[in-house]
Amino acid sequence: MFTRTEPAGDRQVYRTSGSLVAWWAWTAFAVVLLIVLALHNHDRAALVTALVVIAITGIMYACALRPRIVAGVAGITVVNPLRVHEVPWPLVTQVDLVHNVRVHYRSPAGGTPRGDEPAGGEPAGDKPAGDGPAAGKPAGEKIVHSWAVQSTGRSRTRNELRARRAARRGLTPEPGQARLPDAAQAALAGSAAEFITRQLDEQARRRRAAVSAAHPPAAAQVRWNWGPIAAMVVPLLILVAVTLA
């Protein structure tokens, strides 16, 4: 898990550390490969290889580096590869974890969020693979699926094994763990995605309770994430043009 608090202290950024490791590892490999191609190869094959590397770098930028969840004063922002969802805290009804972190929210007057999202649900391009529609969703409620924080099958299996061992011990904490604060014990008891989900859900409840009913919340905002989209599309178009030329 990677969590960063902004200098002002009013914004927290959540993402998994694995995505950052993957981004920087690929970036280092890509830089070395491009330098080798530039120094030793100047033919068409080298050009195509360089464009493939750049195209993959654009995809890694959009899918590994850019996705994040930002909890600020006004609300929660979910940055996905294709879309950015900005949801004011009063509209957030729940934050849960089903394969990935999901933010449940309602519209102020039962309408649709402002922006590019069509009526009737979330854009399919923002959903990570394997995440189906929510069953039993209340009428008028929408769900934002976060690309940045996901729970893999391996981590779920590891947490189940940890829970079974704790049950066999009679829920007795590990030596030294009992002296830790409750928040630290909760973090050790589950996965990073579960810890992030608990933090966001608790913050949503606090913020929602602090908002005065005399001040109706603004509508959720949904917009295209043009920077990452361009980073993916432009290199691919150039690659196709060079390959077909």
C-alpha atoms as a PDB file:
ATOM      1  CA  MET A   1       0.000   0.000   0.000  1.00  0.00           C
ATOM      2  CA  PHE A   2       1.165   3.520  -0.761  1.00  0.00           C
ATOM      3  CA  THR A   3      -0.431   6.442   1.092  1.00  0.00           C
ATOM      4  CA  ARG A   4       0.768  10.019   0.804  1.00  0.00           C
ATOM      5  CA  THR A   5      -0.463  13.010   2.799  1.00  0.00           C
ATOM      6  CA  GLU A   6      -0.100  16.351   1.022  1.00  0.00           C
ATOM      7  CA  PRO A   7       1.953  19.077   2.787  1.00  0.00           C
ATOM      8  CA  ALA A   8      -1.205  20.968   3.694  1.00  0.00           C
ATOM      9  CA  GLY A   9      -2.496  17.863   5.477  1.00  0.00           C
ATOM     10  CA  ASP A  10      -5.939  18.076   3.863  1.00  0.00           C
ATOM     11  CA  ARG A  11      -5.402  15.494   1.087  1.00  0.00           C
ATOM     12  CA  GLN A  12      -4.478  11.830   1.215  1.00  0.00           C
ATOM     13  CA  VAL A  13      -3.513   9.825  -1.847  1.00  0.00           C
ATOM     14  CA  TYR A  14      -4.087   6.065  -1.878  1.00  0.00           C
ATOM     15  CA  ARG A  15      -2.680   3.511  -4.299  1.00  0.00           C
ATOM     16  CA  THR A  16      -0.943   0.142  -4.133  1.00  0.00           C
ATOM     17  CA  SER A  17       2.836   0.092  -4.037  1.00  0.00           C
ATOM     18  CA  GLY A  18       2.940  -2.752  -6.572  1.00  0.00           C
ATOM     19  CA  SER A  19       1.768  -0.449  -9.360  1.00  0.00           C
ATOM     20  CA  LEU A  20       4.533   2.042  -8.580  1.00  0.00           C
ATOM     21  CA  VAL A  21       7.141  -0.730  -8.518  1.00  0.00           C
ATOM     22  CA  ALA A  22       5.891  -2.013 -11.886  1.00  0.00           C
ATOM     23  CA  TRP A  23       5.979   1.505 -13.388  1.00  0.00           C
ATOM     24  CA  TRP A  24       9.522   2.341 -12.285  1.00  0.00           C
ATOM     25  CA  ALA A  25      10.843  -1.105 -13.191  1.00  0.00           C
ATOM     26  CA  TRP A  26       9.406  -0.816 -16.701  1.00  0.00           C
ATOM     27  CA  THR A  27      10.623   2.793 -17.047  1.00  0.00           C
ATOM     28  CA  ALA A  28      14.201   1.787 -16.190  1.00  0.00           C
ATOM     29  CA  PHE A  29      14.059  -1.102 -18.660  1.00  0.00           C
ATOM     30  CA  ALA A  30      12.556   1.090 -21.395  1.00  0.00           C
ATOM     31  CA  VAL A  31      15.184   3.834 -20.982  1.00  0.00           C
ATOM     32  CA  VAL A  32      18.040   1.331 -21.227  1.00  0.00           C
ATOM     33  CA  LEU A  33      16.498  -0.357 -24.268  1.00  0.00           C
ATOM     34  CA  LEU A  34      15.892   2.949 -26.077  1.00  0.00           C
ATOM     35  CA  ILE A  35      19.492   4.040 -25.429  1.00  0.00           C
ATOM     36  CA  VAL A  36      20.799   0.744 -26.828  1.00  0.00           C
ATOM     37  CA  LEU A  37      18.599   1.087 -29.915  1.00  0.00           C
ATOM     38  CA  ALA A  38      19.685   4.680 -30.465  1.00  0.00           C
ATOM     39  CA  LEU A  39      23.393   3.831 -30.222  1.00  0.00           C
ATOM     40  CA  HIS A  40      23.581   0.579 -32.161  1.00  0.00           C
ATOM     41  CA  ASN A  41      20.594   0.246 -34.480  1.00  0.00           C
ATOM     42  CA  HIS A  42      19.244   2.710 -37.033  1.00  0.00           C
ATOM     43  CA  ASP A  43      17.101   0.497 -39.267  1.00  0.00           C
ATOM     44  CA  ARG A  44      13.342   0.118 -39.628  1.00  0.00           C
ATOM     45  CA  ALA A  45      13.192  -2.777 -37.172  1.00  0.00           C
ATOM     46  CA  ALA A  46      14.828  -0.613 -34.497  1.00  0.00           C
ATOM     47  CA  LEU A  47      12.313   2.175 -35.136  1.00  0.00           C
ATOM     48  CA  VAL A  48       9.369  -0.214 -34.805  1.00  0.00           C
ATOM     49  CA  THR A  49      10.854  -1.686 -31.617  1.00  0.00           C
ATOM     50  CA  ALA A  50      11.308   1.790 -30.142  1.00  0.00           C
ATOM     51  CA  LEU A  51       7.709   2.699 -30.947  1.00  0.00           C
ATOM     52  CA  VAL A  52       6.489  -0.525 -29.322  1.00  0.00           C
ATOM     53  CA  VAL A  53       8.456   0.348 -26.183  1.00  0.00           C
ATOM     54  CA  ILE A  54       7.011   3.873 -26.146  1.00  0.00           C
ATOM     55  CA  ALA A  55       3.483   2.536 -26.664  1.00  0.00           C
ATOM     56  CA  ILE A  56       3.856   0.109 -23.764  1.00  0.00           C
ATOM     57  CA  THR A  57       5.248   2.946 -21.635  1.00  0.00           C
ATOM     58  CA  GLY A  58       2.142   5.004 -22.381  1.00  0.00           C
ATOM     59  CA  ILE A  59      -0.086   2.115 -21.325  1.00  0.00           C
ATOM     60  CA  MET A  60       1.923   1.609 -18.137  1.00  0.00           C
ATOM     61  CA  TYR A  61       1.651   5.333 -17.383  1.00  0.00           C
ATOM     62  CA  ALA A  62      -2.120   5.294 -17.789  1.00  0.00           C
ATOM     63  CA  CYS A  63      -2.775   2.007 -15.988  1.00  0.00           C
ATOM     64  CA  ALA A  64      -0.048   1.863 -13.322  1.00  0.00           C
ATOM     65  CA  LEU A  65       1.141   5.389 -12.468  1.00  0.00           C
ATOM     66  CA  ARG A  66      -1.919   7.621 -12.876  1.00  0.00           C
ATOM     67  CA  PRO A  67      -4.704   5.632 -11.094  1.00  0.00           C
ATOM     68  CA  ARG A  68      -5.205   6.708  -7.499  1.00  0.00           C
ATOM     69  CA  ILE A  69      -7.803   7.570  -4.885  1.00  0.00           C
ATOM     70  CA  VAL A  70      -7.588  11.071  -3.428  1.00  0.00           C
ATOM     71  CA  ALA A  71      -9.449  11.931  -0.222  1.00  0.00           C
ATOM     72  CA  GLY A  72      -9.691  15.701   0.178  1.00  0.00           C
ATOM     73  CA  VAL A  73     -11.695  18.250   2.109  1.00  0.00           C
ATOM     74  CA  ALA A  74     -14.538  18.469  -0.412  1.00  0.00           C
ATOM     75  CA  GLY A  75     -14.845  14.825  -1.373  1.00  0.00           C
ATOM     76  CA  ILE A  76     -13.258  11.724  -2.793  1.00  0.00           C
ATOM     77  CA  THR A  77     -11.673  11.594  -6.254  1.00  0.00           C
ATOM     78  CA  VAL A  78     -11.202   8.286  -8.054  1.00  0.00           C
ATOM     79  CA  VAL A  79      -8.681   8.582 -10.898  1.00  0.00           C
ATOM     80  CA  ASN A  80      -8.976   5.695 -13.374  1.00  0.00           C
ATOM     81  CA  PRO A  81      -7.162   5.236 -16.706  1.00  0.00           C
ATOM     82  CA  LEU A  82     -10.077   6.617 -18.743  1.00  0.00           C
ATOM     83  CA  ARG A  83     -12.191   8.666 -16.347  1.00  0.00           C
ATOM     84  CA  VAL A  84     -11.942  10.832 -13.248  1.00  0.00           C
ATOM     85  CA  HIS A  85     -14.824  10.720 -10.750  1.00  0.00           C
ATOM     86  CA  GLU A  86     -15.149  13.526  -8.184  1.00  0.00           C
ATOM     87  CA  VAL A  87     -17.761  12.739  -5.527  1.00  0.00           C
ATOM     88  CA  PRO A  88     -18.562  15.177  -2.662  1.00  0.00           C
ATOM     89  CA  TRP A  89     -18.497  13.539   0.761  1.00  0.00           C
ATOM     90  CA  PRO A  90     -22.222  14.110   1.496  1.00  0.00           C
ATOM     91  CA  LEU A  91     -23.119  11.957  -1.522  1.00  0.00           C
ATOM     92  CA  VAL A  92     -20.928   9.001  -0.515  1.00  0.00           C
ATOM     93  CA  THR A  93     -23.077   6.298   1.051  1.00  0.00           C
ATOM     94  CA  GLN A  94     -20.493   3.549   1.428  1.00  0.00           C
ATOM     95  CA  VAL A  95     -16.972   2.471   0.500  1.00  0.00           C
ATOM     96  CA  ASP A  96     -16.489  -1.282   0.219  1.00  0.00           C
ATOM     97  CA  LEU A  97     -14.140  -3.858  -1.289  1.00  0.00           C
ATOM     98  CA  VAL A  98     -15.195  -6.445  -3.878  1.00  0.00           C
ATOM     99  CA  HIS A  99     -12.124  -7.313  -5.975  1.00  0.00           C
ATOM    100  CA  ASN A 100     -11.394  -3.562  -5.962  1.00  0.00           C
ATOM    101  CA  VAL A 101     -12.321  -0.548  -3.846  1.00  0.00           C
ATOM    102  CA  ARG A 102     -15.803   0.695  -4.755  1.00  0.00           C
ATOM    103  CA  VAL A 103     -17.314   4.069  -3.863  1.00  0.00           C
ATOM    104  CA  HIS A 104     -21.115   4.042  -3.603  1.00  0.00           C
ATOM    105  CA  TYR A 105     -22.826   7.394  -4.021  1.00  0.00           C
ATOM    106  CA  ARG A 106     -26.185   8.935  -4.782  1.00  0.00           C
ATOM    107  CA  SER A 107     -27.205  11.923  -6.865  1.00  0.00           C
ATOM    108  CA  PRO A 108     -28.477  14.975  -4.924  1.00  0.00           C
ATOM    109  CA  ALA A 109     -31.879  15.008  -6.655  1.00  0.00           C
ATOM    110  CA  GLY A 110     -31.948  11.528  -8.161  1.00  0.00           C
ATOM    111  CA  GLY A 111     -30.399  12.681 -11.440  1.00  0.00           C
ATOM    112  CA  THR A 112     -27.221  11.620 -13.167  1.00  0.00           C
ATOM    113  CA  PRO A 113     -23.757  12.984 -12.379  1.00  0.00           C
ATOM    114  CA  ARG A 114     -22.510  15.919 -14.388  1.00  0.00           C
ATOM    115  CA  GLY A 115     -19.914  15.271 -17.033  1.00  0.00           C
ATOM    116  CA  ASP A 116     -19.551  12.657 -19.743  1.00  0.00           C
ATOM    117  CA  GLU A 117     -21.127   9.697 -17.969  1.00  0.00           C
ATOM    118  CA  PRO A 118     -24.366   8.518 -19.579  1.00  0.00           C
ATOM    119  CA  ALA A 119     -27.418   7.772 -17.511  1.00  0.00           C
ATOM    120  CA  GLY A 120     -27.723   4.311 -16.098  1.00  0.00           C
ATOM    121  CA  GLY A 121     -24.301   3.347 -14.738  1.00  0.00           C
ATOM    122  CA  GLU A 122     -20.542   3.478 -14.814  1.00  0.00           C
ATOM    123  CA  PRO A 123     -18.484   3.382 -18.012  1.00  0.00           C
ATOM    124  CA  ALA A 124     -17.268  -0.151 -18.621  1.00  0.00           C
ATOM    125  CA  GLY A 125     -13.762   1.062 -19.466  1.00  0.00           C
ATOM    126  CA  ASP A 126     -13.142   2.084 -15.843  1.00  0.00           C
ATOM    127  CA  LYS A 127     -13.858  -1.335 -14.398  1.00  0.00           C
ATOM    128  CA  PRO A 128     -10.891  -3.605 -13.734  1.00  0.00           C
ATOM    129  CA  ALA A 129     -11.127  -7.023 -15.333  1.00  0.00           C
ATOM    130  CA  GLY A 130     -13.266  -9.533 -13.477  1.00  0.00           C
ATOM    131  CA  ASP A 131     -15.445  -7.046 -11.621  1.00  0.00           C
ATOM    132  CA  GLY A 132     -19.093  -7.605 -12.461  1.00  0.00           C
ATOM    133  CA  PRO A 133     -22.087  -5.367 -11.799  1.00  0.00           C
ATOM    134  CA  ALA A 134     -23.234  -4.893  -8.257  1.00  0.00           C
ATOM    135  CA  ALA A 135     -26.209  -7.009  -7.276  1.00  0.00           C
ATOM    136  CA  GLY A 136     -29.005  -5.492  -5.252  1.00  0.00           C
ATOM    137  CA  LYS A 137     -27.893  -1.909  -5.819  1.00  0.00           C
ATOM    138  CA  PRO A 138     -30.470   0.584  -4.489  1.00  0.00           C
ATOM    139  CA  ALA A 139     -32.328   2.650  -7.068  1.00  0.00           C
ATOM    140  CA  GLY A 140     -30.550   5.910  -7.808  1.00  0.00           C
ATOM    141  CA  GLU A 141     -27.240   4.734  -6.378  1.00  0.00           C
ATOM    142  CA  LYS A 142     -24.101   4.597  -8.507  1.00  0.00           C
ATOM    143  CA  ILE A 143     -20.811   2.813  -7.946  1.00  0.00           C
ATOM    144  CA  VAL A 144     -17.321   3.932  -8.938  1.00  0.00           C
ATOM    145  CA  HIS A 145     -14.818   1.089  -9.293  1.00  0.00           C
ATOM    146  CA  SER A 146     -11.262   2.104  -8.456  1.00  0.00           C
ATOM    147  CA  TRP A 147      -8.527   0.825 -10.739  1.00  0.00           C
ATOM    148  CA  ALA A 148      -5.792   1.891  -8.285  1.00  0.00           C
ATOM    149  CA  VAL A 149      -6.601  -0.302  -5.276  1.00  0.00           C
ATOM    150  CA  GLN A 150      -7.533  -3.907  -5.954  1.00  0.00           C
ATOM    151  CA  SER A 151      -7.669  -7.085  -3.914  1.00  0.00           C
ATOM    152  CA  THR A 152      -6.085 -10.049  -5.659  1.00  0.00           C
ATOM    153  CA  GLY A 153      -7.049 -13.668  -5.142  1.00  0.00           C
ATOM    154  CA  ARG A 154      -3.665 -14.337  -3.537  1.00  0.00           C
ATOM    155  CA  SER A 155      -4.112 -11.594  -0.940  1.00  0.00           C
ATOM    156  CA  ARG A 156      -7.640 -12.777  -0.128  1.00  0.00           C
ATOM    157  CA  THR A 157      -6.356 -16.337   0.381  1.00  0.00           C
ATOM    158  CA  ARG A 158      -3.524 -15.052   2.575  1.00  0.00           C
ATOM    159  CA  ASN A 159      -5.967 -13.063   4.717  1.00  0.00           C
ATOM    160  CA  GLU A 160      -8.258 -16.068   5.109  1.00  0.00           C
ATOM    161  CA  LEU A 161      -5.330 -18.174   6.310  1.00  0.00           C
ATOM    162  CA  ARG A 162      -4.330 -15.420   8.743  1.00  0.00           C
ATOM    163  CA  ALA A 163      -7.894 -15.250  10.082  1.00  0.00           C
ATOM    164  CA  ARG A 164      -7.989 -19.026  10.573  1.00  0.00           C
ATOM    165  CA  ARG A 165      -4.703 -18.974  12.488  1.00  0.00           C
ATOM    166  CA  ALA A 166      -6.036 -16.153  14.674  1.00  0.00           C
ATOM    167  CA  ALA A 167      -9.203 -18.151  15.355  1.00  0.00           C
ATOM    168  CA  ARG A 168      -7.129 -21.178  16.392  1.00  0.00           C
ATOM    169  CA  ARG A 169      -5.128 -18.969  18.770  1.00  0.00           C
ATOM    170  CA  GLY A 170      -8.357 -17.705  20.286  1.00  0.00           C
ATOM    171  CA  LEU A 171      -7.882 -14.214  18.768  1.00  0.00           C
ATOM    172  CA  THR A 172      -4.772 -13.686  20.903  1.00  0.00           C
ATOM    173  CA  PRO A 173      -2.556 -11.009  19.322  1.00  0.00           C
ATOM    174  CA  GLU A 174       1.031 -11.686  18.408  1.00  0.00           C
ATOM    175  CA  PRO A 175       3.676 -10.795  21.043  1.00  0.00           C
ATOM    176  CA  GLY A 176       4.122  -7.039  21.016  1.00  0.00           C
ATOM    177  CA  GLN A 177       1.072  -6.434  18.813  1.00  0.00           C
ATOM    178  CA  ALA A 178      -1.209  -5.837  21.793  1.00  0.00           C
ATOM    179  CA  ARG A 179       0.778  -2.674  22.592  1.00  0.00           C
ATOM    180  CA  LEU A 180       0.075  -1.185  19.173  1.00  0.00           C
ATOM    181  CA  PRO A 181      -2.739   1.359  18.593  1.00  0.00           C
ATOM    182  CA  ASP A 182      -6.069   0.025  17.336  1.00  0.00           C
ATOM    183  CA  ALA A 183      -5.466   1.446  13.845  1.00  0.00           C
ATOM    184  CA  ALA A 184      -2.120  -0.353  13.585  1.00  0.00           C
ATOM    185  CA  GLN A 185      -3.642  -3.631  14.781  1.00  0.00           C
ATOM    186  CA  ALA A 186      -6.397  -3.286  12.176  1.00  0.00           C
ATOM    187  CA  ALA A 187      -3.820  -2.686   9.454  1.00  0.00           C
ATOM    188  CA  LEU A 188      -1.914  -5.834  10.435  1.00  0.00           C
ATOM    189  CA  ALA A 189      -5.143  -7.862  10.534  1.00  0.00           C
ATOM    190  CA  GLY A 190      -6.038  -7.374   6.872  1.00  0.00           C
ATOM    191  CA  SER A 191      -4.709  -6.533   3.459  1.00  0.00           C
ATOM    192  CA  ALA A 192      -3.675  -3.087   2.268  1.00  0.00           C
ATOM    193  CA  ALA A 193      -6.863  -2.823   0.204  1.00  0.00           C
ATOM    194  CA  GLU A 194      -8.982  -3.619   3.263  1.00  0.00           C
ATOM    195  CA  PHE A 195      -7.129  -1.023   5.318  1.00  0.00           C
ATOM    196  CA  ILE A 196      -7.678   1.652   2.664  1.00  0.00           C
ATOM    197  CA  THR A 197     -11.356   0.707   2.393  1.00  0.00           C
ATOM    198  CA  ARG A 198     -11.868   1.037   6.152  1.00  0.00           C
ATOM    199  CA  GLN A 199     -10.147   4.413   6.242  1.00  0.00           C
ATOM    200  CA  LEU A 200     -12.190   5.828   3.359  1.00  0.00           C
ATOM    201  CA  ASP A 201     -15.491   4.465   4.697  1.00  0.00           C
ATOM    202  CA  GLU A 202     -14.862   5.888   8.168  1.00  0.00           C
ATOM    203  CA  GLN A 203     -13.849   9.250   6.704  1.00  0.00           C
ATOM    204  CA  ALA A 204     -16.984   9.320   4.548  1.00  0.00           C
ATOM    205  CA  ARG A 205     -19.154   8.745   7.615  1.00  0.00           C
ATOM    206  CA  ARG A 206     -17.442  11.520   9.573  1.00  0.00           C
ATOM    207  CA  ARG A 207     -17.616  14.009   6.717  1.00  0.00           C
ATOM    208  CA  ARG A 208     -21.223  13.180   5.919  1.00  0.00           C
ATOM    209  CA  ALA A 209     -22.287  13.709   9.533  1.00  0.00           C
ATOM    210  CA  ALA A 210     -20.492  17.072   9.698  1.00  0.00           C
ATOM    211  CA  VAL A 211     -22.286  18.574   6.691  1.00  0.00           C
ATOM    212  CA  SER A 212     -25.218  20.845   7.466  1.00  0.00           C
ATOM    213  CA  ALA A 213     -28.554  19.958   5.875  1.00  0.00           C
ATOM    214  CA  ALA A 214     -28.980  23.638   4.994  1.00  0.00           C
ATOM    215  CA  HIS A 215     -26.207  23.365   2.428  1.00  0.00           C
ATOM    216  CA  PRO A 216     -27.136  20.836  -0.265  1.00  0.00           C
ATOM    217  CA  PRO A 217     -24.110  19.057  -1.778  1.00  0.00           C
ATOM    218  CA  ALA A 218     -22.976  19.623  -5.327  1.00  0.00           C
ATOM    219  CA  ALA A 219     -23.407  16.909  -7.925  1.00  0.00           C
ATOM    220  CA  ALA A 220     -20.703  14.385  -8.660  1.00  0.00           C
ATOM    221  CA  GLN A 221     -18.406  15.263 -11.542  1.00  0.00           C
ATOM    222  CA  VAL A 222     -17.272  12.753 -14.176  1.00  0.00           C
ATOM    223  CA  ARG A 223     -14.785  13.704 -16.883  1.00  0.00           C
ATOM    224  CA  TRP A 224     -12.462  12.071 -19.372  1.00  0.00           C
ATOM    225  CA  ASN A 225      -8.862  11.589 -18.265  1.00  0.00           C
ATOM    226  CA  TRP A 226      -7.380  13.026 -21.455  1.00  0.00           C
ATOM    227  CA  GLY A 227      -3.694  12.909 -20.474  1.00  0.00           C
ATOM    228  CA  PRO A 228      -3.488   9.126 -19.977  1.00  0.00           C
ATOM    229  CA  ILE A 229      -5.793   8.559 -22.962  1.00  0.00           C
ATOM    230  CA  ALA A 230      -3.408  10.519 -25.199  1.00  0.00           C
ATOM    231  CA  ALA A 231      -0.424   8.658 -23.723  1.00  0.00           C
ATOM    232  CA  MET A 232      -1.998   5.376 -24.815  1.00  0.00           C
ATOM    233  CA  VAL A 233      -3.579   6.339 -28.132  1.00  0.00           C
ATOM    234  CA  VAL A 234      -0.968   8.600 -29.767  1.00  0.00           C
ATOM    235  CA  PRO A 235       1.988   6.140 -29.657  1.00  0.00           C
ATOM    236  CA  LEU A 236      -0.275   3.332 -30.903  1.00  0.00           C
ATOM    237  CA  LEU A 237      -1.449   5.442 -33.839  1.00  0.00           C
ATOM    238  CA  ILE A 238       2.144   6.337 -34.743  1.00  0.00           C
ATOM    239  CA  LEU A 239       3.142   2.666 -34.473  1.00  0.00           C
ATOM    240  CA  VAL A 240       0.318   1.611 -36.788  1.00  0.00           C
ATOM    241  CA  ALA A 241       1.183   4.341 -39.291  1.00  0.00           C
ATOM    242  CA  VAL A 242       4.857   3.380 -39.386  1.00  0.00           C
ATOM    243  CA  THR A 243       4.066  -0.335 -39.611  1.00  0.00           C
ATOM    244  CA  LEU A 244       1.671   0.126 -42.531  1.00  0.00           C
ATOM    245  CA  ALA A 245       3.849   2.660 -44.366  1.00  0.00           C
END
